[in-house]
Amino acid sequence: MINVDVTLFIQMANFLLLLVLMNLVLYRPIRRLVAQRNALVSKQREGIDKAENEAQRVMREFEERLRQARAAGREKIQELKEAAYRREKDLLSQASEEAAKEVQAVRERVQKEIGQVRSQLQAQIQEFSKEMAQRILGRSL
């Protein structure tokens, strides 16, 4: 059974004193350490969030630069193809012109040779016809 006397009040004072001392010595430092730890964790989370945002920004920037570089590369390839096509066209026209000049030169040379051969043949034909006439007639002309 519980007796209500002075010891009960002493025990209550002892309990309250112990509660105050434990609060000062034990609970407050622990709460302070927990609060510091929570502040550190939240600060680190903010840092991590900042770093993730920065990494995402850098990745977006990198992807944009990569896209631009690919577009520039495709554009450059197209320009080079067009330049090569123009160069090919120029070379073909140049070769065609040279071939036409050479064909014309060969034709002129052939015509010249034909003219020379004709004149030689004309001379030979006249001699040959003279000889034939002499043989047919049996006398010299």
C-alpha atoms as a PDB file:
ATOM      1  CA  MET A   1       0.000   0.000   0.000  1.00  0.00           C
ATOM      2  CA  ILE A   2       1.071   3.608  -0.651  1.00  0.00           C
ATOM      3  CA  ASN A   3       1.601   5.864   2.267  1.00  0.00           C
ATOM      4  CA  VAL A   4       1.379   9.566   1.618  1.00  0.00           C
ATOM      5  CA  ASP A   5       4.012  11.136   3.744  1.00  0.00           C
ATOM      6  CA  VAL A   6       7.129  13.264   3.290  1.00  0.00           C
ATOM      7  CA  THR A   7       9.039  10.553   1.411  1.00  0.00           C
ATOM      8  CA  LEU A   8       6.503  10.710  -1.383  1.00  0.00           C
ATOM      9  CA  PHE A   9       7.227  14.399  -1.855  1.00  0.00           C
ATOM     10  CA  ILE A  10      10.978  13.726  -1.607  1.00  0.00           C
ATOM     11  CA  GLN A  11      10.670  11.006  -4.252  1.00  0.00           C
ATOM     12  CA  MET A  12       8.651  13.375  -6.477  1.00  0.00           C
ATOM     13  CA  ALA A  13      11.283  16.100  -6.049  1.00  0.00           C
ATOM     14  CA  ASN A  14      14.029  13.543  -6.669  1.00  0.00           C
ATOM     15  CA  PHE A  15      12.226  12.400  -9.844  1.00  0.00           C
ATOM     16  CA  LEU A  16      11.739  15.983 -11.095  1.00  0.00           C
ATOM     17  CA  LEU A  17      15.369  16.829 -10.290  1.00  0.00           C
ATOM     18  CA  LEU A  18      16.523  13.691 -12.117  1.00  0.00           C
ATOM     19  CA  LEU A  19      14.280  14.614 -15.057  1.00  0.00           C
ATOM     20  CA  VAL A  20      15.741  18.128 -15.232  1.00  0.00           C
ATOM     21  CA  LEU A  21      19.322  16.842 -14.920  1.00  0.00           C
ATOM     22  CA  MET A  22      18.778  14.157 -17.571  1.00  0.00           C
ATOM     23  CA  ASN A  23      17.217  16.764 -19.817  1.00  0.00           C
ATOM     24  CA  LEU A  24      20.254  19.044 -19.378  1.00  0.00           C
ATOM     25  CA  VAL A  25      22.920  16.349 -19.531  1.00  0.00           C
ATOM     26  CA  LEU A  26      21.476  13.732 -21.842  1.00  0.00           C
ATOM     27  CA  TYR A  27      18.401  14.709 -23.833  1.00  0.00           C
ATOM     28  CA  ARG A  28      19.371  18.224 -24.956  1.00  0.00           C
ATOM     29  CA  PRO A  29      22.796  17.180 -26.347  1.00  0.00           C
ATOM     30  CA  ILE A  30      21.226  14.225 -28.101  1.00  0.00           C
ATOM     31  CA  ARG A  31      18.467  16.421 -29.527  1.00  0.00           C
ATOM     32  CA  ARG A  32      21.092  18.985 -30.558  1.00  0.00           C
ATOM     33  CA  LEU A  33      23.164  16.248 -32.277  1.00  0.00           C
ATOM     34  CA  VAL A  34      20.058  14.879 -33.989  1.00  0.00           C
ATOM     35  CA  ALA A  35      19.111  18.394 -35.117  1.00  0.00           C
ATOM     36  CA  GLN A  36      22.671  18.975 -36.404  1.00  0.00           C
ATOM     37  CA  ARG A  37      22.609  15.627 -38.178  1.00  0.00           C
ATOM     38  CA  ASN A  38      19.212  16.433 -39.723  1.00  0.00           C
ATOM     39  CA  ALA A  39      20.525  19.831 -40.821  1.00  0.00           C
ATOM     40  CA  LEU A  40      23.632  18.160 -42.315  1.00  0.00           C
ATOM     41  CA  VAL A  41      21.522  15.529 -44.073  1.00  0.00           C
ATOM     42  CA  SER A  42      19.155  18.160 -45.473  1.00  0.00           C
ATOM     43  CA  LYS A  43      22.154  20.270 -46.563  1.00  0.00           C
ATOM     44  CA  GLN A  44      23.683  17.233 -48.269  1.00  0.00           C
ATOM     45  CA  ARG A  45      20.336  16.421 -49.916  1.00  0.00           C
ATOM     46  CA  GLU A  46      20.201  19.968 -51.230  1.00  0.00           C
ATOM     47  CA  GLY A  47      23.744  19.536 -52.523  1.00  0.00           C
ATOM     48  CA  ILE A  48      22.791  16.241 -54.127  1.00  0.00           C
ATOM     49  CA  ASP A  49      19.687  17.792 -55.680  1.00  0.00           C
ATOM     50  CA  LYS A  50      21.792  20.697 -56.950  1.00  0.00           C
ATOM     51  CA  ALA A  51      24.364  18.279 -58.369  1.00  0.00           C
ATOM     52  CA  GLU A  52      21.637  16.183 -60.028  1.00  0.00           C
ATOM     53  CA  ASN A  53      20.053  19.304 -61.516  1.00  0.00           C
ATOM     54  CA  GLU A  54      23.453  20.469 -62.734  1.00  0.00           C
ATOM     55  CA  ALA A  55      24.164  17.028 -64.184  1.00  0.00           C
ATOM     56  CA  GLN A  56      20.806  17.020 -65.957  1.00  0.00           C
ATOM     57  CA  ARG A  57      21.453  20.530 -67.277  1.00  0.00           C
ATOM     58  CA  VAL A  58      24.895  19.495 -68.504  1.00  0.00           C
ATOM     59  CA  MET A  59      23.418  16.366 -70.123  1.00  0.00           C
ATOM     60  CA  ARG A  60      20.748  18.445 -71.873  1.00  0.00           C
ATOM     61  CA  GLU A  61      23.430  20.889 -73.012  1.00  0.00           C
ATOM     62  CA  PHE A  62      25.620  18.002 -74.184  1.00  0.00           C
ATOM     63  CA  GLU A  63      22.719  16.400 -76.064  1.00  0.00           C
ATOM     64  CA  GLU A  64      21.890  19.755 -77.663  1.00  0.00           C
ATOM     65  CA  ARG A  65      25.504  20.266 -78.725  1.00  0.00           C
ATOM     66  CA  LEU A  66      25.618  16.700 -80.014  1.00  0.00           C
ATOM     67  CA  ARG A  67      22.423  17.278 -81.985  1.00  0.00           C
ATOM     68  CA  GLN A  68      23.856  20.504 -83.404  1.00  0.00           C
ATOM     69  CA  ALA A  69      27.130  18.766 -84.266  1.00  0.00           C
ATOM     70  CA  ARG A  70      25.264  15.972 -86.030  1.00  0.00           C
ATOM     71  CA  ALA A  71      23.170  18.511 -87.928  1.00  0.00           C
ATOM     72  CA  ALA A  72      26.320  20.418 -88.874  1.00  0.00           C
ATOM     73  CA  GLY A  73      27.943  17.156 -89.932  1.00  0.00           C
ATOM     74  CA  ARG A  74      24.985  16.213 -92.103  1.00  0.00           C
ATOM     75  CA  GLU A  75      25.022  19.717 -93.577  1.00  0.00           C
ATOM     76  CA  LYS A  76      28.762  19.493 -94.271  1.00  0.00           C
ATOM     77  CA  ILE A  77      28.329  16.051 -95.847  1.00  0.00           C
ATOM     78  CA  GLN A  78      25.577  17.443 -98.067  1.00  0.00           C
ATOM     79  CA  GLU A  79      27.784  20.390 -99.056  1.00  0.00           C
ATOM     80  CA  LEU A  80      30.672  18.041 -99.855  1.00  0.00           C
ATOM     81  CA  LYS A  81      28.371  15.793-101.888  1.00  0.00           C
ATOM     82  CA  GLU A  82      27.113  18.799-103.824  1.00  0.00           C
ATOM     83  CA  ALA A  83      30.672  20.031-104.378  1.00  0.00           C
ATOM     84  CA  ALA A  84      31.709  16.549-105.531  1.00  0.00           C
ATOM     85  CA  TYR A  85      28.706  16.409-107.855  1.00  0.00           C
ATOM     86  CA  ARG A  86      29.614  19.809-109.318  1.00  0.00           C
ATOM     87  CA  ARG A  87      33.251  18.710-109.676  1.00  0.00           C
ATOM     88  CA  GLU A  88      32.149  15.481-111.337  1.00  0.00           C
ATOM     89  CA  LYS A  89      29.894  17.449-113.679  1.00  0.00           C
ATOM     90  CA  ASP A  90      32.758  19.825-114.529  1.00  0.00           C
ATOM     91  CA  LEU A  91      35.155  16.934-115.127  1.00  0.00           C
ATOM     92  CA  LEU A  92      32.628  15.137-117.323  1.00  0.00           C
ATOM     93  CA  SER A  93      31.942  18.265-119.361  1.00  0.00           C
ATOM     94  CA  GLN A  94      35.667  18.918-119.624  1.00  0.00           C
ATOM     95  CA  ALA A  95      36.308  15.326-120.701  1.00  0.00           C
ATOM     96  CA  SER A  96      33.424  15.557-123.154  1.00  0.00           C
ATOM     97  CA  GLU A  97      34.847  18.763-124.619  1.00  0.00           C
ATOM     98  CA  GLU A  98      38.324  17.229-124.868  1.00  0.00           C
ATOM     99  CA  ALA A  99      36.881  14.103-126.466  1.00  0.00           C
ATOM    100  CA  ALA A 100      34.909  16.238-128.934  1.00  0.00           C
ATOM    101  CA  LYS A 101      38.074  18.215-129.787  1.00  0.00           C
ATOM    102  CA  GLU A 102      40.028  15.019-130.215  1.00  0.00           C
ATOM    103  CA  VAL A 103      37.282  13.498-132.385  1.00  0.00           C
ATOM    104  CA  GLN A 104      37.251  16.683-134.469  1.00  0.00           C
ATOM    105  CA  ALA A 105      41.036  16.573-134.776  1.00  0.00           C
ATOM    106  CA  VAL A 106      40.893  12.907-135.807  1.00  0.00           C
ATOM    107  CA  ARG A 107      38.152  13.697-138.352  1.00  0.00           C
ATOM    108  CA  GLU A 108      40.225  16.538-139.782  1.00  0.00           C
ATOM    109  CA  ARG A 109      43.288  14.310-139.946  1.00  0.00           C
ATOM    110  CA  VAL A 110      41.222  11.542-141.602  1.00  0.00           C
ATOM    111  CA  GLN A 111      39.764  14.062-144.083  1.00  0.00           C
ATOM    112  CA  LYS A 112      43.259  15.323-144.818  1.00  0.00           C
ATOM    113  CA  GLU A 113      44.537  11.780-145.269  1.00  0.00           C
ATOM    114  CA  ILE A 114      41.497  10.951-147.439  1.00  0.00           C
ATOM    115  CA  GLY A 115      42.299  14.005-149.572  1.00  0.00           C
ATOM    116  CA  GLN A 116      45.934  12.926-149.896  1.00  0.00           C
ATOM    117  CA  VAL A 117      44.928   9.364-150.694  1.00  0.00           C
ATOM    118  CA  ARG A 118      42.396  10.633-153.275  1.00  0.00           C
ATOM    119  CA  SER A 119      44.978  12.749-155.003  1.00  0.00           C
ATOM    120  CA  GLN A 120      47.391   9.787-155.003  1.00  0.00           C
ATOM    121  CA  LEU A 121      44.619   7.500-156.242  1.00  0.00           C
ATOM    122  CA  GLN A 122      43.626  10.041-158.923  1.00  0.00           C
ATOM    123  CA  ALA A 123      47.194  10.024-160.165  1.00  0.00           C
ATOM    124  CA  GLN A 124      47.319   6.226-160.019  1.00  0.00           C
ATOM    125  CA  ILE A 125      43.897   5.943-161.691  1.00  0.00           C
ATOM    126  CA  GLN A 126      44.998   8.134-164.561  1.00  0.00           C
ATOM    127  CA  GLU A 127      48.157   6.066-165.022  1.00  0.00           C
ATOM    128  CA  PHE A 128      46.202   2.845-164.656  1.00  0.00           C
ATOM    129  CA  SER A 129      43.524   3.970-167.126  1.00  0.00           C
ATOM    130  CA  LYS A 130      46.254   5.041-169.572  1.00  0.00           C
ATOM    131  CA  GLU A 131      47.908   1.640-169.268  1.00  0.00           C
ATOM    132  CA  MET A 132      44.555  -0.126-169.680  1.00  0.00           C
ATOM    133  CA  ALA A 133      43.741   1.937-172.729  1.00  0.00           C
ATOM    134  CA  GLN A 134      47.148   1.148-174.221  1.00  0.00           C
ATOM    135  CA  ARG A 135      46.706  -2.547-173.606  1.00  0.00           C
ATOM    136  CA  ILE A 136      43.196  -2.573-174.971  1.00  0.00           C
ATOM    137  CA  LEU A 137      44.163  -0.571-178.052  1.00  0.00           C
ATOM    138  CA  GLY A 138      47.494  -2.268-178.355  1.00  0.00           C
ATOM    139  CA  ARG A 139      49.329   0.967-179.038  1.00  0.00           C
ATOM    140  CA  SER A 140      50.698   3.803-176.905  1.00  0.00           C
ATOM    141  CA  LEU A 141      48.802   6.952-176.358  1.00  0.00           C
END
